Amino acid sequence: MLIVPDPCPVAPAFEHLDPGEASLLTLAAEAKHPTAVILDDGAARAAARKHGVAFIGVVGILEQSARAGMADFDLTVTALKTTNFRIQARVIDEIQNKLREERR
């Protein structure tokens, strides 16, 4: 278990981000073991990429879940669209097409 001080110190490289994402990326960047984080914010993803922090987004998790037979991607994305979650339709279309091709 990881106990994080409140507030968590933030590395200067991440100070421009939302406090939660900045703390998360600081901890991941300083981790002694390989660490991946869940990020959807574009600026946070760019910072993670720049500093070598592995990440996946919500839609990526849904894609992996669909491949494993644990979730219906189309049904879940339809429900997700009823929230304030935003993603480019092109990204959803690409994943749907890949999943269809894999089922053939």
Protein backbone atom coordinates (compact mmCIF):
# COMPACT_ATOMS: atom_id res chain seq x y z
CA MET A 1 0.00 0.00 0.00
CA LEU A 2 1.20 3.49 -0.82
CA ILE A 3 0.57 6.24 1.72
CA VAL A 4 0.67 9.65 0.11
CA PRO A 5 1.12 12.86 2.09
CA ASP A 6 -1.63 15.43 1.76
CA PRO A 7 -0.87 17.60 -0.04
CA CYS A 8 1.46 15.51 -2.15
CA PRO A 9 4.60 17.34 -3.28
CA VAL A 10 4.52 18.03 -7.01
CA ALA A 11 7.54 17.91 -9.31
CA PRO A 12 8.14 21.20 -11.16
CA ALA A 13 7.63 19.42 -14.50
CA PHE A 14 3.98 18.79 -13.58
CA GLU A 15 3.02 22.03 -11.81
CA HIS A 16 1.02 23.26 -14.83
CA LEU A 17 -1.44 20.37 -14.52
CA ASP A 18 -4.52 19.81 -12.39
CA PRO A 19 -3.37 19.09 -8.79
CA GLY A 20 -4.57 15.48 -8.86
CA GLU A 21 -2.90 14.68 -12.16
CA ALA A 22 0.26 16.54 -11.11
CA SER A 23 0.48 14.48 -7.91
CA LEU A 24 -0.22 11.23 -9.74
CA LEU A 25 2.46 11.89 -12.36
CA THR A 26 4.97 12.99 -9.74
CA LEU A 27 4.49 9.73 -7.84
CA ALA A 28 4.64 7.64 -11.03
CA ALA A 29 7.76 9.41 -12.31
CA GLU A 30 9.52 8.84 -8.96
CA ALA A 31 8.36 5.23 -8.57
CA LYS A 32 11.09 2.63 -8.11
CA HIS A 33 9.08 0.05 -10.06
CA PRO A 34 7.43 0.35 -13.50
CA THR A 35 4.17 2.19 -13.01
CA ALA A 36 1.29 2.92 -15.36
CA VAL A 37 -1.45 5.45 -14.67
CA ILE A 38 -4.94 6.13 -15.99
CA LEU A 39 -5.15 9.50 -17.76
CA ASP A 40 -7.58 11.05 -20.20
CA ASP A 41 -6.61 14.73 -20.06
CA GLY A 42 -4.57 15.73 -23.11
CA ALA A 43 -2.07 17.93 -21.25
CA ALA A 44 -1.51 15.26 -18.60
CA ARG A 45 -0.99 12.60 -21.28
CA ALA A 46 1.53 14.83 -23.07
CA ALA A 47 3.43 15.40 -19.80
CA ALA A 48 3.40 11.66 -19.06
CA ARG A 49 4.73 10.88 -22.52
CA LYS A 50 7.46 13.53 -22.20
CA HIS A 51 8.63 12.13 -18.85
CA GLY A 52 8.38 8.43 -19.70
CA VAL A 53 5.34 7.61 -17.57
CA ALA A 54 3.23 4.83 -19.07
CA PHE A 55 -0.50 5.52 -19.24
CA ILE A 56 -3.80 4.25 -20.54
CA GLY A 57 -7.12 6.04 -20.87
CA VAL A 58 -10.64 4.97 -20.00
CA VAL A 59 -11.40 4.03 -23.61
CA GLY A 60 -8.21 1.97 -23.76
CA ILE A 61 -9.35 0.06 -20.69
CA LEU A 62 -12.74 -0.52 -22.34
CA GLU A 63 -11.01 -1.74 -25.49
CA GLN A 64 -8.91 -4.24 -23.52
CA SER A 65 -11.98 -5.36 -21.57
CA ALA A 66 -13.88 -5.96 -24.82
CA ARG A 67 -10.98 -8.02 -26.21
CA ALA A 68 -11.01 -10.12 -23.05
CA GLY A 69 -14.76 -10.67 -23.35
CA MET A 70 -15.41 -8.74 -20.15
CA ALA A 71 -17.36 -5.81 -21.63
CA ASP A 72 -19.42 -4.82 -24.64
CA PHE A 73 -17.44 -1.91 -26.08
CA ASP A 74 -20.32 -0.38 -28.07
CA LEU A 75 -22.78 -0.58 -25.20
CA THR A 76 -20.29 0.84 -22.71
CA VAL A 77 -19.25 3.72 -25.00
CA THR A 78 -22.93 4.56 -25.58
CA ALA A 79 -23.40 4.83 -21.81
CA LEU A 80 -20.18 6.83 -21.47
CA LYS A 81 -21.44 9.36 -24.01
CA THR A 82 -24.33 10.22 -21.66
CA THR A 83 -21.79 11.64 -19.18
CA ASN A 84 -19.46 14.63 -19.43
CA PHE A 85 -16.71 12.39 -20.86
CA ARG A 86 -15.35 13.73 -24.15
CA ILE A 87 -13.45 11.92 -26.88
CA GLN A 88 -13.11 12.38 -30.61
CA ALA A 89 -15.56 10.24 -32.58
CA ARG A 90 -12.65 9.21 -34.83
CA VAL A 91 -10.96 7.42 -31.90
CA ILE A 92 -14.12 5.45 -31.08
CA ASP A 93 -14.63 4.58 -34.75
CA GLU A 94 -11.06 3.30 -35.09
CA ILE A 95 -11.40 1.06 -32.05
CA GLN A 96 -14.80 -0.25 -33.15
CA ASN A 97 -13.35 -1.09 -36.57
CA LYS A 98 -10.34 -2.88 -35.03
CA LEU A 99 -12.58 -4.90 -32.72
CA ARG A 100 -14.87 -5.89 -35.62
CA GLU A 101 -11.87 -6.99 -37.72
CA GLU A 102 -10.52 -9.07 -34.85
CA ARG A 103 -13.87 -10.89 -34.49
CA ARG A 104 -13.78 -12.05 -38.11
